[in-house]
């Protein structure tokens, strides 16, 4: 994500085996997921 006048920052990431990690600012509030069928 990027807000006007600010640097782009990472929010969350997930890989092919569903391992995920989150930025400290969103951990516990945001959830990343991937639907392979869709």
ModelCIF file with pLDDT and N, C-alpha, C, O atoms, coordinates in Angstrom:
data_MODEL
#
_entry.id   MODEL 
#
_entity.id                         1 
_entity.type                       polymer 
_entity.pdbx_number_of_molecules   1 
#
_entity_poly.entity_id                      1 
_entity_poly.type                           'polypeptide(L)' 
_entity_poly.nstd_linkage                   no 
_entity_poly.nstd_monomer                   no 
_entity_poly.pdbx_seq_one_letter_code       
;(UNK)(UNK)(UNK)(UNK)(UNK)(UNK)(UNK)(UNK)(UNK)(UNK)(UNK)(UNK)(UNK)(UNK)(UNK)(UNK)
(UNK)(UNK)(UNK)(UNK)(UNK)(UNK)(UNK)(UNK)(UNK)(UNK)(UNK)(UNK)(UNK)(UNK)(UNK)(UNK)
(UNK)(UNK)(UNK)(UNK)(UNK)(UNK)
;
_entity_poly.pdbx_seq_one_letter_code_can   XXXXXXXXXXXXXXXXXXXXXXXXXXXXXXXXXXXXXX 
_entity_poly.pdbx_strand_id                 A 
#
loop_
_entity_poly_seq.entity_id 
_entity_poly_seq.num 
_entity_poly_seq.mon_id 
_entity_poly_seq.hetero 
1 1  UNK n 
1 2  UNK n 
1 3  UNK n 
1 4  UNK n 
1 5  UNK n 
1 6  UNK n 
1 7  UNK n 
1 8  UNK n 
1 9  UNK n 
1 10 UNK n 
1 11 UNK n 
1 12 UNK n 
1 13 UNK n 
1 14 UNK n 
1 15 UNK n 
1 16 UNK n 
1 17 UNK n 
1 18 UNK n 
1 19 UNK n 
1 20 UNK n 
1 21 UNK n 
1 22 UNK n 
1 23 UNK n 
1 24 UNK n 
1 25 UNK n 
1 26 UNK n 
1 27 UNK n 
1 28 UNK n 
1 29 UNK n 
1 30 UNK n 
1 31 UNK n 
1 32 UNK n 
1 33 UNK n 
1 34 UNK n 
1 35 UNK n 
1 36 UNK n 
1 37 UNK n 
1 38 UNK n 
#
_struct_asym.id          A 
_struct_asym.entity_id   1 
#
loop_
_ma_qa_metric.id 
_ma_qa_metric.mode 
_ma_qa_metric.name 
_ma_qa_metric.software_group_id 
_ma_qa_metric.type 
1 global pLDDT . pLDDT 
2 local  pLDDT . pLDDT 
#
_ma_qa_metric_global.metric_id      1 
_ma_qa_metric_global.metric_value   95.39 
_ma_qa_metric_global.model_id       1 
_ma_qa_metric_global.ordinal_id     1 
#
loop_
_ma_qa_metric_local.label_asym_id 
_ma_qa_metric_local.label_comp_id 
_ma_qa_metric_local.label_seq_id 
_ma_qa_metric_local.metric_id 
_ma_qa_metric_local.metric_value 
_ma_qa_metric_local.model_id 
_ma_qa_metric_local.ordinal_id 
A UNK 1  2 98.00 1 1  
A UNK 2  2 97.00 1 2  
A UNK 3  2 96.00 1 3  
A UNK 4  2 92.00 1 4  
A UNK 5  2 93.00 1 5  
A UNK 6  2 94.00 1 6  
A UNK 7  2 95.00 1 7  
A UNK 8  2 96.00 1 8  
A UNK 9  2 97.00 1 9  
A UNK 10 2 97.00 1 10 
A UNK 11 2 98.00 1 11 
A UNK 12 2 98.00 1 12 
A UNK 13 2 98.00 1 13 
A UNK 14 2 96.00 1 14 
A UNK 15 2 92.00 1 15 
A UNK 16 2 86.00 1 16 
A UNK 17 2 88.00 1 17 
A UNK 18 2 90.00 1 18 
A UNK 19 2 94.00 1 19 
A UNK 20 2 97.00 1 20 
A UNK 21 2 97.00 1 21 
A UNK 22 2 98.00 1 22 
A UNK 23 2 98.00 1 23 
A UNK 24 2 98.00 1 24 
A UNK 25 2 97.00 1 25 
A UNK 26 2 98.00 1 26 
A UNK 27 2 97.00 1 27 
A UNK 28 2 98.00 1 28 
A UNK 29 2 98.00 1 29 
A UNK 30 2 98.00 1 30 
A UNK 31 2 98.00 1 31 
A UNK 32 2 98.00 1 32 
A UNK 33 2 97.00 1 33 
A UNK 34 2 94.00 1 34 
A UNK 35 2 94.00 1 35 
A UNK 36 2 90.00 1 36 
A UNK 37 2 91.00 1 37 
A UNK 38 2 94.00 1 38 
#
loop_
_atom_site.group_PDB 
_atom_site.id 
_atom_site.type_symbol 
_atom_site.label_atom_id 
_atom_site.label_alt_id 
_atom_site.label_comp_id 
_atom_site.label_asym_id 
_atom_site.label_entity_id 
_atom_site.label_seq_id 
_atom_site.pdbx_PDB_ins_code 
_atom_site.Cartn_x 
_atom_site.Cartn_y 
_atom_site.Cartn_z 
_atom_site.occupancy 
_atom_site.B_iso_or_equiv 
_atom_site.pdbx_formal_charge 
_atom_site.auth_seq_id 
_atom_site.auth_comp_id 
_atom_site.auth_asym_id 
_atom_site.auth_atom_id 
_atom_site.pdbx_PDB_model_num 
ATOM 1   N N  . UNK A 1 1  ? 0.828   -1.192  0.000   1.00 98.00 ? 1  UNK A N  1 
ATOM 2   C CA . UNK A 1 1  ? 0.000   0.000   0.000   1.00 98.00 ? 1  UNK A CA 1 
ATOM 3   C C  . UNK A 1 1  ? 0.866   1.248   0.000   1.00 98.00 ? 1  UNK A C  1 
ATOM 4   O O  . UNK A 1 1  ? 2.013   1.234   0.447   1.00 98.00 ? 1  UNK A O  1 
ATOM 5   N N  . UNK A 1 2  ? 0.284   2.332   -0.516  1.00 97.00 ? 2  UNK A N  1 
ATOM 6   C CA . UNK A 1 2  ? 0.988   3.599   -0.556  1.00 97.00 ? 2  UNK A CA 1 
ATOM 7   C C  . UNK A 1 2  ? -0.002  4.740   -0.397  1.00 97.00 ? 2  UNK A C  1 
ATOM 8   O O  . UNK A 1 2  ? -0.981  4.838   -1.136  1.00 97.00 ? 2  UNK A O  1 
ATOM 9   N N  . UNK A 1 3  ? 0.267   5.600   0.574   1.00 96.00 ? 3  UNK A N  1 
ATOM 10  C CA . UNK A 1 3  ? -0.523  6.792   0.796   1.00 96.00 ? 3  UNK A CA 1 
ATOM 11  C C  . UNK A 1 3  ? 0.190   7.981   0.158   1.00 96.00 ? 3  UNK A C  1 
ATOM 12  O O  . UNK A 1 3  ? 1.412   7.949   0.009   1.00 96.00 ? 3  UNK A O  1 
ATOM 13  N N  . UNK A 1 4  ? -0.544  9.031   -0.222  1.00 92.00 ? 4  UNK A N  1 
ATOM 14  C CA . UNK A 1 4  ? 0.088   10.206  -0.837  1.00 92.00 ? 4  UNK A CA 1 
ATOM 15  C C  . UNK A 1 4  ? 1.194   10.780  0.030   1.00 92.00 ? 4  UNK A C  1 
ATOM 16  O O  . UNK A 1 4  ? 1.004   11.003  1.226   1.00 92.00 ? 4  UNK A O  1 
ATOM 17  N N  . UNK A 1 5  ? 2.353   11.018  -0.579  1.00 93.00 ? 5  UNK A N  1 
ATOM 18  C CA . UNK A 1 5  ? 3.472   11.596  0.133   1.00 93.00 ? 5  UNK A CA 1 
ATOM 19  C C  . UNK A 1 5  ? 4.257   10.631  0.996   1.00 93.00 ? 5  UNK A C  1 
ATOM 20  O O  . UNK A 1 5  ? 5.192   11.040  1.685   1.00 93.00 ? 5  UNK A O  1 
ATOM 21  N N  . UNK A 1 6  ? 3.895   9.357   0.972   1.00 94.00 ? 6  UNK A N  1 
ATOM 22  C CA . UNK A 1 6  ? 4.583   8.374   1.787   1.00 94.00 ? 6  UNK A CA 1 
ATOM 23  C C  . UNK A 1 6  ? 5.185   7.271   0.923   1.00 94.00 ? 6  UNK A C  1 
ATOM 24  O O  . UNK A 1 6  ? 4.776   7.070   -0.221  1.00 94.00 ? 6  UNK A O  1 
ATOM 25  N N  . UNK A 1 7  ? 6.154   6.566   1.479   1.00 95.00 ? 7  UNK A N  1 
ATOM 26  C CA . UNK A 1 7  ? 6.766   5.440   0.794   1.00 95.00 ? 7  UNK A CA 1 
ATOM 27  C C  . UNK A 1 7  ? 5.795   4.266   0.742   1.00 95.00 ? 7  UNK A C  1 
ATOM 28  O O  . UNK A 1 7  ? 4.945   4.099   1.616   1.00 95.00 ? 7  UNK A O  1 
ATOM 29  N N  . UNK A 1 8  ? 5.943   3.463   -0.297  1.00 96.00 ? 8  UNK A N  1 
ATOM 30  C CA . UNK A 1 8  ? 5.162   2.240   -0.380  1.00 96.00 ? 8  UNK A CA 1 
ATOM 31  C C  . UNK A 1 8  ? 5.607   1.284   0.719   1.00 96.00 ? 8  UNK A C  1 
ATOM 32  O O  . UNK A 1 8  ? 6.802   1.154   0.985   1.00 96.00 ? 8  UNK A O  1 
ATOM 33  N N  . UNK A 1 9  ? 4.665   0.625   1.350   1.00 97.00 ? 9  UNK A N  1 
ATOM 34  C CA . UNK A 1 9  ? 4.991   -0.315  2.398   1.00 97.00 ? 9  UNK A CA 1 
ATOM 35  C C  . UNK A 1 9  ? 4.297   -1.650  2.161   1.00 97.00 ? 9  UNK A C  1 
ATOM 36  O O  . UNK A 1 9  ? 3.201   -1.714  1.604   1.00 97.00 ? 9  UNK A O  1 
ATOM 37  N N  . UNK A 1 10 ? 4.958   -2.700  2.593   1.00 97.00 ? 10 UNK A N  1 
ATOM 38  C CA . UNK A 1 10 ? 4.388   -4.033  2.475   1.00 97.00 ? 10 UNK A CA 1 
ATOM 39  C C  . UNK A 1 10 ? 3.317   -4.238  3.537   1.00 97.00 ? 10 UNK A C  1 
ATOM 40  O O  . UNK A 1 10 ? 3.409   -3.706  4.643   1.00 97.00 ? 10 UNK A O  1 
ATOM 41  N N  . UNK A 1 11 ? 2.308   -5.013  3.184   1.00 98.00 ? 11 UNK A N  1 
ATOM 42  C CA . UNK A 1 11 ? 1.216   -5.320  4.096   1.00 98.00 ? 11 UNK A CA 1 
ATOM 43  C C  . UNK A 1 11 ? 1.247   -6.789  4.504   1.00 98.00 ? 11 UNK A C  1 
ATOM 44  O O  . UNK A 1 11 ? 1.251   -7.109  5.693   1.00 98.00 ? 11 UNK A O  1 
ATOM 45  N N  . UNK A 1 12 ? 1.270   -7.681  3.511   1.00 98.00 ? 12 UNK A N  1 
ATOM 46  C CA . UNK A 1 12 ? 1.232   -9.108  3.783   1.00 98.00 ? 12 UNK A CA 1 
ATOM 47  C C  . UNK A 1 12 ? 1.738   -9.875  2.583   1.00 98.00 ? 12 UNK A C  1 
ATOM 48  O O  . UNK A 1 12 ? 1.707   -9.368  1.462   1.00 98.00 ? 12 UNK A O  1 
ATOM 49  N N  . UNK A 1 13 ? 2.208   -11.103 2.807   1.00 98.00 ? 13 UNK A N  1 
ATOM 50  C CA . UNK A 1 13 ? 2.704   -11.945 1.735   1.00 98.00 ? 13 UNK A CA 1 
ATOM 51  C C  . UNK A 1 13 ? 2.344   -13.395 2.005   1.00 98.00 ? 13 UNK A C  1 
ATOM 52  O O  . UNK A 1 13 ? 2.222   -13.815 3.156   1.00 98.00 ? 13 UNK A O  1 
ATOM 53  N N  . UNK A 1 14 ? 2.175   -14.160 0.921   1.00 96.00 ? 14 UNK A N  1 
ATOM 54  C CA . UNK A 1 14 ? 1.858   -15.577 1.029   1.00 96.00 ? 14 UNK A CA 1 
ATOM 55  C C  . UNK A 1 14 ? 2.512   -16.308 -0.136  1.00 96.00 ? 14 UNK A C  1 
ATOM 56  O O  . UNK A 1 14 ? 2.564   -15.776 -1.245  1.00 96.00 ? 14 UNK A O  1 
ATOM 57  N N  . UNK A 1 15 ? 3.012   -17.525 0.099   1.00 92.00 ? 15 UNK A N  1 
ATOM 58  C CA . UNK A 1 15 ? 3.633   -18.272 -0.987  1.00 92.00 ? 15 UNK A CA 1 
ATOM 59  C C  . UNK A 1 15 ? 2.797   -19.493 -1.369  1.00 92.00 ? 15 UNK A C  1 
ATOM 60  O O  . UNK A 1 15 ? 1.695   -19.693 -0.859  1.00 92.00 ? 15 UNK A O  1 
ATOM 61  N N  . UNK A 1 16 ? 3.346   -20.307 -2.281  1.00 86.00 ? 16 UNK A N  1 
ATOM 62  C CA . UNK A 1 16 ? 2.580   -21.407 -2.864  1.00 86.00 ? 16 UNK A CA 1 
ATOM 63  C C  . UNK A 1 16 ? 2.188   -22.494 -1.873  1.00 86.00 ? 16 UNK A C  1 
ATOM 64  O O  . UNK A 1 16 ? 1.233   -23.231 -2.118  1.00 86.00 ? 16 UNK A O  1 
ATOM 65  N N  . UNK A 1 17 ? 2.905   -22.607 -0.761  1.00 88.00 ? 17 UNK A N  1 
ATOM 66  C CA . UNK A 1 17 ? 2.536   -23.602 0.242   1.00 88.00 ? 17 UNK A CA 1 
ATOM 67  C C  . UNK A 1 17 ? 1.768   -22.980 1.410   1.00 88.00 ? 17 UNK A C  1 
ATOM 68  O O  . UNK A 1 17 ? 1.650   -23.581 2.477   1.00 88.00 ? 17 UNK A O  1 
ATOM 69  N N  . UNK A 1 18 ? 1.245   -21.765 1.193   1.00 90.00 ? 18 UNK A N  1 
ATOM 70  C CA . UNK A 1 18 ? 0.373   -21.055 2.126   1.00 90.00 ? 18 UNK A CA 1 
ATOM 71  C C  . UNK A 1 18 ? 1.061   -20.527 3.377   1.00 90.00 ? 18 UNK A C  1 
ATOM 72  O O  . UNK A 1 18 ? 0.395   -20.192 4.357   1.00 90.00 ? 18 UNK A O  1 
ATOM 73  N N  . UNK A 1 19 ? 2.375   -20.451 3.352   1.00 94.00 ? 19 UNK A N  1 
ATOM 74  C CA . UNK A 1 19 ? 3.072   -19.759 4.424   1.00 94.00 ? 19 UNK A CA 1 
ATOM 75  C C  . UNK A 1 19 ? 2.852   -18.260 4.255   1.00 94.00 ? 19 UNK A C  1 
ATOM 76  O O  . UNK A 1 19 ? 2.932   -17.747 3.139   1.00 94.00 ? 19 UNK A O  1 
ATOM 77  N N  . UNK A 1 20 ? 2.582   -17.563 5.332   1.00 97.00 ? 20 UNK A N  1 
ATOM 78  C CA . UNK A 1 20 ? 2.259   -16.144 5.252   1.00 97.00 ? 20 UNK A CA 1 
ATOM 79  C C  . UNK A 1 20 ? 2.995   -15.342 6.315   1.00 97.00 ? 20 UNK A C  1 
ATOM 80  O O  . UNK A 1 20 ? 3.394   -15.876 7.350   1.00 97.00 ? 20 UNK A O  1 
ATOM 81  N N  . UNK A 1 21 ? 3.169   -14.063 6.047   1.00 97.00 ? 21 UNK A N  1 
ATOM 82  C CA . UNK A 1 21 ? 3.726   -13.155 7.026   1.00 97.00 ? 21 UNK A CA 1 
ATOM 83  C C  . UNK A 1 21 ? 3.086   -11.787 6.860   1.00 97.00 ? 21 UNK A C  1 
ATOM 84  O O  . UNK A 1 21 ? 2.566   -11.458 5.793   1.00 97.00 ? 21 UNK A O  1 
ATOM 85  N N  . UNK A 1 22 ? 3.128   -10.992 7.923   1.00 98.00 ? 22 UNK A N  1 
ATOM 86  C CA . UNK A 1 22 ? 2.434   -9.717  7.955   1.00 98.00 ? 22 UNK A CA 1 
ATOM 87  C C  . UNK A 1 22 ? 3.309   -8.610  8.499   1.00 98.00 ? 22 UNK A C  1 
ATOM 88  O O  . UNK A 1 22 ? 4.211   -8.844  9.304   1.00 98.00 ? 22 UNK A O  1 
ATOM 89  N N  . UNK A 1 23 ? 3.028   -7.398  8.044   1.00 98.00 ? 23 UNK A N  1 
ATOM 90  C CA . UNK A 1 23 ? 3.659   -6.236  8.637   1.00 98.00 ? 23 UNK A CA 1 
ATOM 91  C C  . UNK A 1 23 ? 3.151   -6.073  10.066  1.00 98.00 ? 23 UNK A C  1 
ATOM 92  O O  . UNK A 1 23 ? 2.010   -6.425  10.370  1.00 98.00 ? 23 UNK A O  1 
ATOM 93  N N  . UNK A 1 24 ? 3.995   -5.543  10.936  1.00 98.00 ? 24 UNK A N  1 
ATOM 94  C CA . UNK A 1 24 ? 3.607   -5.381  12.333  1.00 98.00 ? 24 UNK A CA 1 
ATOM 95  C C  . UNK A 1 24 ? 2.346   -4.527  12.489  1.00 98.00 ? 24 UNK A C  1 
ATOM 96  O O  . UNK A 1 24 ? 1.548   -4.748  13.400  1.00 98.00 ? 24 UNK A O  1 
ATOM 97  N N  . UNK A 1 25 ? 2.174   -3.560  11.601  1.00 97.00 ? 25 UNK A N  1 
ATOM 98  C CA . UNK A 1 25 ? 1.061   -2.638  11.716  1.00 97.00 ? 25 UNK A CA 1 
ATOM 99  C C  . UNK A 1 25 ? -0.300  -3.266  11.439  1.00 97.00 ? 25 UNK A C  1 
ATOM 100 O O  . UNK A 1 25 ? -1.329  -2.706  11.817  1.00 97.00 ? 25 UNK A O  1 
ATOM 101 N N  . UNK A 1 26 ? -0.315  -4.437  10.774  1.00 98.00 ? 26 UNK A N  1 
ATOM 102 C CA . UNK A 1 26 ? -1.587  -5.064  10.418  1.00 98.00 ? 26 UNK A CA 1 
ATOM 103 C C  . UNK A 1 26 ? -1.776  -6.444  11.031  1.00 98.00 ? 26 UNK A C  1 
ATOM 104 O O  . UNK A 1 26 ? -2.859  -7.020  10.927  1.00 98.00 ? 26 UNK A O  1 
ATOM 105 N N  . UNK A 1 27 ? -0.760  -6.971  11.655  1.00 97.00 ? 27 UNK A N  1 
ATOM 106 C CA . UNK A 1 27 ? -0.846  -8.311  12.235  1.00 97.00 ? 27 UNK A CA 1 
ATOM 107 C C  . UNK A 1 27 ? -1.974  -8.390  13.260  1.00 97.00 ? 27 UNK A C  1 
ATOM 108 O O  . UNK A 1 27 ? -2.082  -7.545  14.150  1.00 97.00 ? 27 UNK A O  1 
ATOM 109 N N  . UNK A 1 28 ? -2.808  -9.410  13.122  1.00 98.00 ? 28 UNK A N  1 
ATOM 110 C CA . UNK A 1 28 ? -3.946  -9.570  14.003  1.00 98.00 ? 28 UNK A CA 1 
ATOM 111 C C  . UNK A 1 28 ? -5.209  -8.921  13.490  1.00 98.00 ? 28 UNK A C  1 
ATOM 112 O O  . UNK A 1 28 ? -6.297  -9.202  13.992  1.00 98.00 ? 28 UNK A O  1 
ATOM 113 N N  . UNK A 1 29 ? -5.084  -8.046  12.486  1.00 98.00 ? 29 UNK A N  1 
ATOM 114 C CA . UNK A 1 29 ? -6.241  -7.376  11.906  1.00 98.00 ? 29 UNK A CA 1 
ATOM 115 C C  . UNK A 1 29 ? -6.505  -7.808  10.462  1.00 98.00 ? 29 UNK A C  1 
ATOM 116 O O  . UNK A 1 29 ? -7.659  -7.894  10.041  1.00 98.00 ? 29 UNK A O  1 
ATOM 117 N N  . UNK A 1 30 ? -5.443  -8.080  9.705   1.00 98.00 ? 30 UNK A N  1 
ATOM 118 C CA . UNK A 1 30 ? -5.557  -8.448  8.292   1.00 98.00 ? 30 UNK A CA 1 
ATOM 119 C C  . UNK A 1 30 ? -5.225  -9.921  8.107   1.00 98.00 ? 30 UNK A C  1 
ATOM 120 O O  . UNK A 1 30 ? -4.427  -10.486 8.855   1.00 98.00 ? 30 UNK A O  1 
ATOM 121 N N  . UNK A 1 31 ? -5.848  -10.543 7.096   1.00 98.00 ? 31 UNK A N  1 
ATOM 122 C CA . UNK A 1 31 ? -5.571  -11.924 6.748   1.00 98.00 ? 31 UNK A CA 1 
ATOM 123 C C  . UNK A 1 31 ? -5.418  -12.056 5.239   1.00 98.00 ? 31 UNK A C  1 
ATOM 124 O O  . UNK A 1 31 ? -6.297  -11.638 4.486   1.00 98.00 ? 31 UNK A O  1 
ATOM 125 N N  . UNK A 1 32 ? -4.307  -12.636 4.793   1.00 98.00 ? 32 UNK A N  1 
ATOM 126 C CA . UNK A 1 32 ? -4.070  -12.861 3.377   1.00 98.00 ? 32 UNK A CA 1 
ATOM 127 C C  . UNK A 1 32 ? -4.363  -14.327 3.058   1.00 98.00 ? 32 UNK A C  1 
ATOM 128 O O  . UNK A 1 32 ? -4.052  -15.214 3.852   1.00 98.00 ? 32 UNK A O  1 
ATOM 129 N N  . UNK A 1 33 ? -4.964  -14.576 1.890   1.00 97.00 ? 33 UNK A N  1 
ATOM 130 C CA . UNK A 1 33 ? -5.271  -15.934 1.475   1.00 97.00 ? 33 UNK A CA 1 
ATOM 131 C C  . UNK A 1 33 ? -5.317  -16.008 -0.039  1.00 97.00 ? 33 UNK A C  1 
ATOM 132 O O  . UNK A 1 33 ? -5.425  -14.985 -0.715  1.00 97.00 ? 33 UNK A O  1 
ATOM 133 N N  . UNK A 1 34 ? -5.234  -17.233 -0.577  1.00 94.00 ? 34 UNK A N  1 
ATOM 134 C CA . UNK A 1 34 ? -5.278  -17.427 -2.020  1.00 94.00 ? 34 UNK A CA 1 
ATOM 135 C C  . UNK A 1 34 ? -6.166  -18.609 -2.356  1.00 94.00 ? 34 UNK A C  1 
ATOM 136 O O  . UNK A 1 34 ? -6.008  -19.693 -1.795  1.00 94.00 ? 34 UNK A O  1 
ATOM 137 N N  . UNK A 1 35 ? -7.101  -18.398 -3.274  1.00 94.00 ? 35 UNK A N  1 
ATOM 138 C CA . UNK A 1 35 ? -8.001  -19.435 -3.753  1.00 94.00 ? 35 UNK A CA 1 
ATOM 139 C C  . UNK A 1 35 ? -7.482  -19.910 -5.100  1.00 94.00 ? 35 UNK A C  1 
ATOM 140 O O  . UNK A 1 35 ? -7.566  -19.181 -6.089  1.00 94.00 ? 35 UNK A O  1 
ATOM 141 N N  . UNK A 1 36 ? -6.946  -21.126 -5.150  1.00 90.00 ? 36 UNK A N  1 
ATOM 142 C CA . UNK A 1 36 ? -6.339  -21.627 -6.380  1.00 90.00 ? 36 UNK A CA 1 
ATOM 143 C C  . UNK A 1 36 ? -7.364  -21.866 -7.483  1.00 90.00 ? 36 UNK A C  1 
ATOM 144 O O  . UNK A 1 36 ? -7.051  -21.703 -8.662  1.00 90.00 ? 36 UNK A O  1 
ATOM 145 N N  . UNK A 1 37 ? -8.575  -22.246 -7.118  1.00 91.00 ? 37 UNK A N  1 
ATOM 146 C CA . UNK A 1 37 ? -9.619  -22.501 -8.106  1.00 91.00 ? 37 UNK A CA 1 
ATOM 147 C C  . UNK A 1 37 ? -10.040 -21.214 -8.809  1.00 91.00 ? 37 UNK A C  1 
ATOM 148 O O  . UNK A 1 37 ? -10.188 -21.185 -10.031 1.00 91.00 ? 37 UNK A O  1 
ATOM 149 N N  . UNK A 1 38 ? -10.230 -20.162 -8.038  1.00 94.00 ? 38 UNK A N  1 
ATOM 150 C CA . UNK A 1 38 ? -10.642 -18.880 -8.595  1.00 94.00 ? 38 UNK A CA 1 
ATOM 151 C C  . UNK A 1 38 ? -9.470  -18.022 -9.049  1.00 94.00 ? 38 UNK A C  1 
ATOM 152 O O  . UNK A 1 38 ? -9.672  -16.912 -9.540  1.00 94.00 ? 38 UNK A O  1 
#
